[in-house]
């Protein structure tokens, strides 16, 4: 199943076709449409995950804040491949020191 679903190699006797992973493929933006409504609702500052977000009176606006990735985290190699092929792809939450895996 891993070969079929993850690597895009078709299984024998399977009618389903999955796409081979491609680090340079079009980026999927899941935060669209009505999901943005949740991003403009104030949240308590104590729940803030991205420290660069300013707060006022104990609240802040998430505005699609990135998830924190801690220093020394294991980062999949496809992130670095994408950075090599796509000059505009520079995740703001990518730590300075990380371990490349996969």
PDB file of N, CA and C in Angstrom:
ATOM      1  N   UNK A   1       0.809  -1.193   0.000  1.00  0.00           N
ATOM      2  CA  UNK A   1       0.000   0.000   0.000  1.00  0.00           C
ATOM      3  C   UNK A   1       0.860   1.268   0.000  1.00  0.00           C
ATOM      4  N   UNK A   2       1.994   1.227   0.705  1.00  0.00           N
ATOM      5  CA  UNK A   2       2.864   2.410   0.735  1.00  0.00           C
ATOM      6  C   UNK A   2       3.344   2.736  -0.673  1.00  0.00           C
ATOM      7  N   UNK A   3       3.766   1.719  -1.403  1.00  0.00           N
ATOM      8  CA  UNK A   3       4.210   1.947  -2.781  1.00  0.00           C
ATOM      9  C   UNK A   3       3.092   2.571  -3.610  1.00  0.00           C
ATOM     10  N   UNK A   4       1.879   2.097  -3.423  1.00  0.00           N
ATOM     11  CA  UNK A   4       0.739   2.568  -4.198  1.00  0.00           C
ATOM     12  C   UNK A   4       0.331   3.986  -3.785  1.00  0.00           C
ATOM     13  N   UNK A   5       0.048   4.193  -2.509  1.00  0.00           N
ATOM     14  CA  UNK A   5      -0.493   5.470  -2.039  1.00  0.00           C
ATOM     15  C   UNK A   5       0.557   6.564  -1.919  1.00  0.00           C
ATOM     16  N   UNK A   6       1.723   6.218  -1.424  1.00  0.00           N
ATOM     17  CA  UNK A   6       2.742   7.228  -1.127  1.00  0.00           C
ATOM     18  C   UNK A   6       3.688   7.449  -2.293  1.00  0.00           C
ATOM     19  N   UNK A   7       4.137   6.390  -2.909  1.00  0.00           N
ATOM     20  CA  UNK A   7       5.144   6.503  -3.961  1.00  0.00           C
ATOM     21  C   UNK A   7       4.558   6.562  -5.364  1.00  0.00           C
ATOM     22  N   UNK A   8       3.262   6.331  -5.498  1.00  0.00           N
ATOM     23  CA  UNK A   8       2.622   6.430  -6.805  1.00  0.00           C
ATOM     24  C   UNK A   8       2.901   5.270  -7.730  1.00  0.00           C
ATOM     25  N   UNK A   9       3.334   4.137  -7.184  1.00  0.00           N
ATOM     26  CA  UNK A   9       3.586   2.951  -8.007  1.00  0.00           C
ATOM     27  C   UNK A   9       2.328   2.090  -7.990  1.00  0.00           C
ATOM     28  N   UNK A  10       1.693   1.876  -9.143  1.00  0.00           N
ATOM     29  CA  UNK A  10       0.414   1.163  -9.152  1.00  0.00           C
ATOM     30  C   UNK A  10       0.530  -0.276  -8.660  1.00  0.00           C
ATOM     31  N   UNK A  11      -0.483  -0.682  -7.903  1.00  0.00           N
ATOM     32  CA  UNK A  11      -0.569  -2.063  -7.431  1.00  0.00           C
ATOM     33  C   UNK A  11      -1.120  -2.946  -8.533  1.00  0.00           C
ATOM     34  N   UNK A  12      -0.732  -4.195  -8.492  1.00  0.00           N
ATOM     35  CA  UNK A  12      -1.254  -5.149  -9.460  1.00  0.00           C
ATOM     36  C   UNK A  12      -2.761  -5.310  -9.216  1.00  0.00           C
ATOM     37  N   UNK A  13      -3.528  -5.320 -10.273  1.00  0.00           N
ATOM     38  CA  UNK A  13      -4.985  -5.470 -10.220  1.00  0.00           C
ATOM     39  C   UNK A  13      -5.696  -4.289  -9.562  1.00  0.00           C
ATOM     40  N   UNK A  14      -5.067  -3.136  -9.508  1.00  0.00           N
ATOM     41  CA  UNK A  14      -5.711  -1.948  -8.943  1.00  0.00           C
ATOM     42  C   UNK A  14      -6.122  -1.005 -10.071  1.00  0.00           C
ATOM     43  N   UNK A  15      -7.329  -0.451  -9.962  1.00  0.00           N
ATOM     44  CA  UNK A  15      -7.811   0.492 -10.965  1.00  0.00           C
ATOM     45  C   UNK A  15      -7.499   1.931 -10.576  1.00  0.00           C
ATOM     46  N   UNK A  16      -7.043   2.146  -9.368  1.00  0.00           N
ATOM     47  CA  UNK A  16      -6.734   3.493  -8.891  1.00  0.00           C
ATOM     48  C   UNK A  16      -5.309   3.878  -9.250  1.00  0.00           C
ATOM     49  N   UNK A  17      -5.159   5.147  -9.614  1.00  0.00           N
ATOM     50  CA  UNK A  17      -3.840   5.660  -9.977  1.00  0.00           C
ATOM     51  C   UNK A  17      -3.525   6.844  -9.074  1.00  0.00           C
ATOM     52  N   UNK A  18      -2.395   6.794  -8.413  1.00  0.00           N
ATOM     53  CA  UNK A  18      -1.951   7.890  -7.568  1.00  0.00           C
ATOM     54  C   UNK A  18      -0.738   8.555  -8.204  1.00  0.00           C
ATOM     55  N   UNK A  19      -0.602   9.826  -7.968  1.00  0.00           N
ATOM     56  CA  UNK A  19       0.472  10.604  -8.566  1.00  0.00           C
ATOM     57  C   UNK A  19       1.760  10.415  -7.779  1.00  0.00           C
ATOM     58  N   UNK A  20       2.862  10.301  -8.499  1.00  0.00           N
ATOM     59  CA  UNK A  20       4.169  10.197  -7.872  1.00  0.00           C
ATOM     60  C   UNK A  20       4.488  11.515  -7.169  1.00  0.00           C
ATOM     61  N   UNK A  21       5.078  11.474  -5.971  1.00  0.00           N
ATOM     62  CA  UNK A  21       5.416  12.713  -5.272  1.00  0.00           C
ATOM     63  C   UNK A  21       6.341  13.601  -6.101  1.00  0.00           C
ATOM     64  N   UNK A  22       6.092  14.905  -6.044  1.00  0.00           N
ATOM     65  CA  UNK A  22       6.894  15.865  -6.789  1.00  0.00           C
ATOM     66  C   UNK A  22       7.038  17.128  -5.950  1.00  0.00           C
ATOM     67  N   UNK A  23       8.253  17.398  -5.495  1.00  0.00           N
ATOM     68  CA  UNK A  23       8.500  18.553  -4.630  1.00  0.00           C
ATOM     69  C   UNK A  23       8.249  19.871  -5.345  1.00  0.00           C
ATOM     70  N   UNK A  24       8.267  19.871  -6.670  1.00  0.00           N
ATOM     71  CA  UNK A  24       8.060  21.103  -7.431  1.00  0.00           C
ATOM     72  C   UNK A  24       6.614  21.254  -7.914  1.00  0.00           C
ATOM     73  N   UNK A  25       5.731  20.360  -7.489  1.00  0.00           N
ATOM     74  CA  UNK A  25       4.334  20.431  -7.927  1.00  0.00           C
ATOM     75  C   UNK A  25       3.657  21.691  -7.392  1.00  0.00           C
ATOM     76  N   UNK A  26       2.517  22.020  -7.959  1.00  0.00           N
ATOM     77  CA  UNK A  26       1.756  23.193  -7.532  1.00  0.00           C
ATOM     78  C   UNK A  26       1.402  23.057  -6.050  1.00  0.00           C
ATOM     79  N   UNK A  27       1.636  24.102  -5.283  1.00  0.00           N
ATOM     80  CA  UNK A  27       1.378  24.107  -3.854  1.00  0.00           C
ATOM     81  C   UNK A  27      -0.116  24.152  -3.587  1.00  0.00           C
ATOM     82  N   UNK A  28      -0.567  23.304  -2.686  1.00  0.00           N
ATOM     83  CA  UNK A  28      -1.981  23.253  -2.326  1.00  0.00           C
ATOM     84  C   UNK A  28      -2.247  24.237  -1.194  1.00  0.00           C
ATOM     85  N   UNK A  29      -3.114  25.179  -1.441  1.00  0.00           N
ATOM     86  CA  UNK A  29      -3.499  26.159  -0.420  1.00  0.00           C
ATOM     87  C   UNK A  29      -4.823  25.711   0.189  1.00  0.00           C
ATOM     88  N   UNK A  30      -4.791  25.230   1.415  1.00  0.00           N
ATOM     89  CA  UNK A  30      -6.020  24.749   2.039  1.00  0.00           C
ATOM     90  C   UNK A  30      -6.778  25.869   2.748  1.00  0.00           C
ATOM     91  N   UNK A  31      -6.118  26.964   3.046  1.00  0.00           N
ATOM     92  CA  UNK A  31      -6.765  28.075   3.734  1.00  0.00           C
ATOM     93  C   UNK A  31      -7.403  29.004   2.704  1.00  0.00           C
ATOM     94  N   UNK A  32      -8.622  28.646   2.295  1.00  0.00           N
ATOM     95  CA  UNK A  32      -9.331  29.433   1.289  1.00  0.00           C
ATOM     96  C   UNK A  32     -10.782  29.619   1.729  1.00  0.00           C
ATOM     97  N   UNK A  33     -11.448  30.513   1.072  1.00  0.00           N
ATOM     98  CA  UNK A  33     -12.878  30.702   1.283  1.00  0.00           C
ATOM     99  C   UNK A  33     -13.276  30.996   2.715  1.00  0.00           C
ATOM    100  N   UNK A  34     -14.236  30.244   3.192  1.00  0.00           N
ATOM    101  CA  UNK A  34     -14.791  30.481   4.528  1.00  0.00           C
ATOM    102  C   UNK A  34     -13.818  30.194   5.664  1.00  0.00           C
ATOM    103  N   UNK A  35     -12.783  29.410   5.402  1.00  0.00           N
ATOM    104  CA  UNK A  35     -11.803  29.147   6.460  1.00  0.00           C
ATOM    105  C   UNK A  35     -11.146  30.439   6.933  1.00  0.00           C
ATOM    106  N   UNK A  36     -11.057  31.432   6.036  1.00  0.00           N
ATOM    107  CA  UNK A  36     -10.453  32.710   6.406  1.00  0.00           C
ATOM    108  C   UNK A  36     -11.245  33.425   7.488  1.00  0.00           C
ATOM    109  N   UNK A  37     -12.538  33.159   7.578  1.00  0.00           N
ATOM    110  CA  UNK A  37     -13.338  33.775   8.645  1.00  0.00           C
ATOM    111  C   UNK A  37     -12.779  33.433  10.020  1.00  0.00           C
ATOM    112  N   UNK A  38     -12.336  32.204  10.179  1.00  0.00           N
ATOM    113  CA  UNK A  38     -11.768  31.796  11.465  1.00  0.00           C
ATOM    114  C   UNK A  38     -10.439  32.490  11.741  1.00  0.00           C
ATOM    115  N   UNK A  39      -9.749  32.883  10.703  1.00  0.00           N
ATOM    116  CA  UNK A  39      -8.442  33.519  10.867  1.00  0.00           C
ATOM    117  C   UNK A  39      -8.537  34.988  11.265  1.00  0.00           C
ATOM    118  N   UNK A  40      -9.698  35.576  11.139  1.00  0.00           N
ATOM    119  CA  UNK A  40      -9.861  36.974  11.537  1.00  0.00           C
ATOM    120  C   UNK A  40     -10.621  37.116  12.849  1.00  0.00           C
ATOM    121  N   UNK A  41     -10.963  35.997  13.465  1.00  0.00           N
ATOM    122  CA  UNK A  41     -11.581  36.041  14.793  1.00  0.00           C
ATOM    123  C   UNK A  41     -10.474  36.157  15.840  1.00  0.00           C
ATOM    124  N   UNK A  42     -10.600  37.093  16.773  1.00  0.00           N
ATOM    125  CA  UNK A  42      -9.550  37.241  17.796  1.00  0.00           C
ATOM    126  C   UNK A  42      -9.423  35.986  18.663  1.00  0.00           C
ATOM    127  N   UNK A  43      -8.182  35.656  19.004  1.00  0.00           N
ATOM    128  CA  UNK A  43      -7.877  34.536  19.899  1.00  0.00           C
ATOM    129  C   UNK A  43      -7.122  35.069  21.104  1.00  0.00           C
ATOM    130  N   UNK A  44      -7.282  34.419  22.255  1.00  0.00           N
ATOM    131  CA  UNK A  44      -6.498  34.847  23.413  1.00  0.00           C
ATOM    132  C   UNK A  44      -4.999  34.699  23.148  1.00  0.00           C
ATOM    133  N   UNK A  45      -4.234  35.658  23.611  1.00  0.00           N
ATOM    134  CA  UNK A  45      -2.791  35.659  23.381  1.00  0.00           C
ATOM    135  C   UNK A  45      -2.129  34.402  23.933  1.00  0.00           C
ATOM    136  N   UNK A  46      -2.661  33.832  24.993  1.00  0.00           N
ATOM    137  CA  UNK A  46      -2.039  32.626  25.577  1.00  0.00           C
ATOM    138  C   UNK A  46      -2.055  31.447  24.606  1.00  0.00           C
ATOM    139  N   UNK A  47      -2.904  31.486  23.589  1.00  0.00           N
ATOM    140  CA  UNK A  47      -2.953  30.413  22.590  1.00  0.00           C
ATOM    141  C   UNK A  47      -2.086  30.710  21.381  1.00  0.00           C
ATOM    142  N   UNK A  48      -1.405  31.827  21.395  1.00  0.00           N
ATOM    143  CA  UNK A  48      -0.595  32.238  20.249  1.00  0.00           C
ATOM    144  C   UNK A  48       0.558  31.260  20.048  1.00  0.00           C
ATOM    145  N   UNK A  49       0.681  30.735  18.839  1.00  0.00           N
ATOM    146  CA  UNK A  49       1.765  29.799  18.521  1.00  0.00           C
ATOM    147  C   UNK A  49       2.941  30.501  17.850  1.00  0.00           C
ATOM    148  N   UNK A  50       2.674  31.614  17.208  1.00  0.00           N
ATOM    149  CA  UNK A  50       3.711  32.335  16.483  1.00  0.00           C
ATOM    150  C   UNK A  50       3.996  33.615  17.245  1.00  0.00           C
ATOM    151  N   UNK A  51       5.156  33.688  17.901  1.00  0.00           N
ATOM    152  CA  UNK A  51       5.426  34.821  18.804  1.00  0.00           C
ATOM    153  C   UNK A  51       5.492  36.180  18.122  1.00  0.00           C
ATOM    154  N   UNK A  52       5.652  36.227  16.825  1.00  0.00           N
ATOM    155  CA  UNK A  52       5.746  37.505  16.119  1.00  0.00           C
ATOM    156  C   UNK A  52       4.399  38.204  15.954  1.00  0.00           C
ATOM    157  N   UNK A  53       3.316  37.534  16.282  1.00  0.00           N
ATOM    158  CA  UNK A  53       1.997  38.145  16.156  1.00  0.00           C
ATOM    159  C   UNK A  53       1.788  39.138  17.300  1.00  0.00           C
ATOM    160  N   UNK A  54       1.502  40.398  16.983  1.00  0.00           N
ATOM    161  CA  UNK A  54       1.248  41.373  18.044  1.00  0.00           C
ATOM    162  C   UNK A  54      -0.106  41.128  18.697  1.00  0.00           C
ATOM    163  N   UNK A  55      -0.213  41.477  19.962  1.00  0.00           N
ATOM    164  CA  UNK A  55      -1.483  41.316  20.661  1.00  0.00           C
ATOM    165  C   UNK A  55      -1.918  42.658  21.238  1.00  0.00           C
ATOM    166  N   UNK A  56      -3.203  42.758  21.495  1.00  0.00           N
ATOM    167  CA  UNK A  56      -3.784  43.966  22.060  1.00  0.00           C
ATOM    168  C   UNK A  56      -4.868  43.540  23.052  1.00  0.00           C
ATOM    169  N   UNK A  57      -4.747  44.010  24.280  1.00  0.00           N
ATOM    170  CA  UNK A  57      -5.710  43.698  25.336  1.00  0.00           C
ATOM    171  C   UNK A  57      -5.878  42.193  25.544  1.00  0.00           C
ATOM    172  N   UNK A  58      -4.805  41.441  25.366  1.00  0.00           N
ATOM    173  CA  UNK A  58      -4.829  39.998  25.604  1.00  0.00           C
ATOM    174  C   UNK A  58      -5.358  39.162  24.456  1.00  0.00           C
ATOM    175  N   UNK A  59      -5.562  39.783  23.296  1.00  0.00           N
ATOM    176  CA  UNK A  59      -6.051  39.056  22.128  1.00  0.00           C
ATOM    177  C   UNK A  59      -5.183  39.383  20.914  1.00  0.00           C
ATOM    178  N   UNK A  60      -5.244  38.521  19.918  1.00  0.00           N
ATOM    179  CA  UNK A  60      -4.527  38.750  18.664  1.00  0.00           C
ATOM    180  C   UNK A  60      -5.316  38.122  17.528  1.00  0.00           C
ATOM    181  N   UNK A  61      -4.963  38.477  16.308  1.00  0.00           N
ATOM    182  CA  UNK A  61      -5.595  37.889  15.130  1.00  0.00           C
ATOM    183  C   UNK A  61      -4.650  36.856  14.534  1.00  0.00           C
ATOM    184  N   UNK A  62      -5.085  35.606  14.396  1.00  0.00           N
ATOM    185  CA  UNK A  62      -4.191  34.569  13.867  1.00  0.00           C
ATOM    186  C   UNK A  62      -3.685  34.857  12.453  1.00  0.00           C
ATOM    187  N   UNK A  63      -4.563  35.278  11.552  1.00  0.00           N
ATOM    188  CA  UNK A  63      -4.191  35.625  10.170  1.00  0.00           C
ATOM    189  C   UNK A  63      -3.243  34.614   9.535  1.00  0.00           C
ATOM    190  N   UNK A  64      -3.636  33.351   9.575  1.00  0.00           N
ATOM    191  CA  UNK A  64      -2.874  32.253   8.963  1.00  0.00           C
ATOM    192  C   UNK A  64      -1.486  32.113   9.559  1.00  0.00           C
ATOM    193  N   UNK A  65      -1.397  32.229  10.883  1.00  0.00           N
ATOM    194  CA  UNK A  65      -0.090  32.103  11.519  1.00  0.00           C
ATOM    195  C   UNK A  65       0.504  30.722  11.248  1.00  0.00           C
ATOM    196  N   UNK A  66       1.800  30.663  10.985  1.00  0.00           N
ATOM    197  CA  UNK A  66       2.424  29.363  10.717  1.00  0.00           C
ATOM    198  C   UNK A  66       2.582  28.560  12.006  1.00  0.00           C
ATOM    199  N   UNK A  67       2.623  27.269  11.867  1.00  0.00           N
ATOM    200  CA  UNK A  67       2.875  26.406  13.020  1.00  0.00           C
ATOM    201  C   UNK A  67       4.347  26.501  13.375  1.00  0.00           C
ATOM    202  N   UNK A  68       4.645  26.481  14.665  1.00  0.00           N
ATOM    203  CA  UNK A  68       6.062  26.544  15.043  1.00  0.00           C
ATOM    204  C   UNK A  68       6.774  25.224  14.749  1.00  0.00           C
ATOM    205  N   UNK A  69       7.995  25.327  14.271  1.00  0.00           N
ATOM    206  CA  UNK A  69       8.865  24.169  14.086  1.00  0.00           C
ATOM    207  C   UNK A  69      10.114  24.459  14.899  1.00  0.00           C
ATOM    208  N   UNK A  70      10.386  23.641  15.867  1.00  0.00           N
ATOM    209  CA  UNK A  70      11.462  23.894  16.816  1.00  0.00           C
ATOM    210  C   UNK A  70      12.837  23.617  16.225  1.00  0.00           C
ATOM    211  N   UNK A  71      13.830  24.293  16.743  1.00  0.00           N
ATOM    212  CA  UNK A  71      15.224  24.076  16.329  1.00  0.00           C
ATOM    213  C   UNK A  71      15.578  22.603  16.490  1.00  0.00           C
ATOM    214  N   UNK A  72      16.288  22.064  15.515  1.00  0.00           N
ATOM    215  CA  UNK A  72      16.721  20.671  15.568  1.00  0.00           C
ATOM    216  C   UNK A  72      15.669  19.683  15.095  1.00  0.00           C
ATOM    217  N   UNK A  73      14.533  20.168  14.593  1.00  0.00           N
ATOM    218  CA  UNK A  73      13.465  19.275  14.145  1.00  0.00           C
ATOM    219  C   UNK A  73      13.898  18.491  12.913  1.00  0.00           C
ATOM    220  N   UNK A  74      13.286  17.334  12.711  1.00  0.00           N
ATOM    221  CA  UNK A  74      13.525  16.523  11.518  1.00  0.00           C
ATOM    222  C   UNK A  74      12.617  17.046  10.408  1.00  0.00           C
ATOM    223  N   UNK A  75      13.208  17.515   9.311  1.00  0.00           N
ATOM    224  CA  UNK A  75      12.469  18.093   8.189  1.00  0.00           C
ATOM    225  C   UNK A  75      12.646  17.189   6.969  1.00  0.00           C
ATOM    226  N   UNK A  76      11.546  16.866   6.307  1.00  0.00           N
ATOM    227  CA  UNK A  76      11.608  15.989   5.149  1.00  0.00           C
ATOM    228  C   UNK A  76      12.402  16.644   4.018  1.00  0.00           C
ATOM    229  N   UNK A  77      13.159  15.848   3.315  1.00  0.00           N
ATOM    230  CA  UNK A  77      14.004  16.333   2.228  1.00  0.00           C
ATOM    231  C   UNK A  77      13.256  17.052   1.130  1.00  0.00           C
ATOM    232  N   UNK A  78      11.971  16.753   0.960  1.00  0.00           N
ATOM    233  CA  UNK A  78      11.192  17.411  -0.084  1.00  0.00           C
ATOM    234  C   UNK A  78      11.070  18.919   0.154  1.00  0.00           C
ATOM    235  N   UNK A  79      11.163  19.348   1.403  1.00  0.00           N
ATOM    236  CA  UNK A  79      11.130  20.786   1.698  1.00  0.00           C
ATOM    237  C   UNK A  79      12.339  21.465   1.071  1.00  0.00           C
ATOM    238  N   UNK A  80      13.499  20.864   1.238  1.00  0.00           N
ATOM    239  CA  UNK A  80      14.729  21.438   0.689  1.00  0.00           C
ATOM    240  C   UNK A  80      14.763  21.325  -0.830  1.00  0.00           C
ATOM    241  N   UNK A  81      14.212  20.224  -1.374  1.00  0.00           N
ATOM    242  CA  UNK A  81      14.122  20.076  -2.828  1.00  0.00           C
ATOM    243  C   UNK A  81      13.251  21.184  -3.414  1.00  0.00           C
ATOM    244  N   UNK A  82      12.128  21.466  -2.742  1.00  0.00           N
ATOM    245  CA  UNK A  82      11.239  22.519  -3.223  1.00  0.00           C
ATOM    246  C   UNK A  82      11.922  23.880  -3.166  1.00  0.00           C
ATOM    247  N   UNK A  83      12.693  24.119  -2.116  1.00  0.00           N
ATOM    248  CA  UNK A  83      13.408  25.388  -1.989  1.00  0.00           C
ATOM    249  C   UNK A  83      14.432  25.547  -3.115  1.00  0.00           C
ATOM    250  N   UNK A  84      15.021  24.435  -3.568  1.00  0.00           N
ATOM    251  CA  UNK A  84      15.990  24.489  -4.666  1.00  0.00           C
ATOM    252  C   UNK A  84      15.311  24.757  -6.008  1.00  0.00           C
ATOM    253  N   UNK A  85      14.124  24.193  -6.205  1.00  0.00           N
ATOM    254  CA  UNK A  85      13.444  24.335  -7.493  1.00  0.00           C
ATOM    255  C   UNK A  85      12.528  25.557  -7.565  1.00  0.00           C
ATOM    256  N   UNK A  86      12.037  26.018  -6.432  1.00  0.00           N
ATOM    257  CA  UNK A  86      11.119  27.155  -6.390  1.00  0.00           C
ATOM    258  C   UNK A  86      11.756  28.298  -5.597  1.00  0.00           C
ATOM    259  N   UNK A  87      12.310  29.301  -6.258  1.00  0.00           N
ATOM    260  CA  UNK A  87      13.015  30.371  -5.550  1.00  0.00           C
ATOM    261  C   UNK A  87      12.143  31.175  -4.585  1.00  0.00           C
ATOM    262  N   UNK A  88      10.831  31.204  -4.804  1.00  0.00           N
ATOM    263  CA  UNK A  88       9.947  31.961  -3.921  1.00  0.00           C
ATOM    264  C   UNK A  88       9.457  31.161  -2.720  1.00  0.00           C
ATOM    265  N   UNK A  89       9.788  29.882  -2.655  1.00  0.00           N
ATOM    266  CA  UNK A  89       9.339  29.046  -1.542  1.00  0.00           C
ATOM    267  C   UNK A  89      10.352  29.112  -0.405  1.00  0.00           C
ATOM    268  N   UNK A  90      10.031  29.885   0.610  1.00  0.00           N
ATOM    269  CA  UNK A  90      10.882  30.042   1.781  1.00  0.00           C
ATOM    270  C   UNK A  90       9.999  30.056   3.019  1.00  0.00           C
ATOM    271  N   UNK A  91       9.720  28.896   3.626  1.00  0.00           N
ATOM    272  CA  UNK A  91       8.847  28.863   4.801  1.00  0.00           C
ATOM    273  C   UNK A  91       9.407  29.724   5.935  1.00  0.00           C
ATOM    274  N   UNK A  92       8.583  30.611   6.467  1.00  0.00           N
ATOM    275  CA  UNK A  92       9.033  31.508   7.531  1.00  0.00           C
ATOM    276  C   UNK A  92       9.272  30.778   8.840  1.00  0.00           C
ATOM    277  N   UNK A  93       8.696  29.597   8.983  1.00  0.00           N
ATOM    278  CA  UNK A  93       8.841  28.856  10.227  1.00  0.00           C
ATOM    279  C   UNK A  93       9.918  27.765  10.169  1.00  0.00           C
ATOM    280  N   UNK A  94      10.689  27.715   9.097  1.00  0.00           N
ATOM    281  CA  UNK A  94      11.757  26.713   8.983  1.00  0.00           C
ATOM    282  C   UNK A  94      12.900  27.093   9.916  1.00  0.00           C
ATOM    283  N   UNK A  95      13.278  26.203  10.847  1.00  0.00           N
ATOM    284  CA  UNK A  95      14.339  26.540  11.785  1.00  0.00           C
ATOM    285  C   UNK A  95      15.710  26.637  11.118  1.00  0.00           C
ATOM    286  N   UNK A  96      16.593  27.400  11.731  1.00  0.00           N
ATOM    287  CA  UNK A  96      17.971  27.553  11.208  1.00  0.00           C
ATOM    288  C   UNK A  96      18.693  26.208  11.237  1.00  0.00           C
ATOM    289  N   UNK A  97      18.502  25.453  12.310  1.00  0.00           N
ATOM    290  CA  UNK A  97      19.158  24.149  12.453  1.00  0.00           C
ATOM    291  C   UNK A  97      18.092  23.061  12.441  1.00  0.00           C
ATOM    292  N   UNK A  98      18.249  22.118  11.520  1.00  0.00           N
ATOM    293  CA  UNK A  98      17.304  21.008  11.430  1.00  0.00           C
ATOM    294  C   UNK A  98      18.027  19.794  10.872  1.00  0.00           C
ATOM    295  N   UNK A  99      17.365  18.669  10.943  1.00  0.00           N
ATOM    296  CA  UNK A  99      17.907  17.433  10.400  1.00  0.00           C
ATOM    297  C   UNK A  99      17.082  17.054   9.177  1.00  0.00           C
ATOM    298  N   UNK A 100      17.759  16.818   8.070  1.00  0.00           N
ATOM    299  CA  UNK A 100      17.077  16.434   6.830  1.00  0.00           C
ATOM    300  C   UNK A 100      16.839  14.930   6.844  1.00  0.00           C
ATOM    301  N   UNK A 101      15.600  14.537   6.621  1.00  0.00           N
ATOM    302  CA  UNK A 101      15.248  13.117   6.589  1.00  0.00           C
ATOM    303  C   UNK A 101      14.489  12.814   5.312  1.00  0.00           C
ATOM    304  N   UNK A 102      14.512  11.551   4.910  1.00  0.00           N
ATOM    305  CA  UNK A 102      13.740  11.101   3.747  1.00  0.00           C
ATOM    306  C   UNK A 102      14.286  11.536   2.423  1.00  0.00           C
TER     307      UNK A 102
END
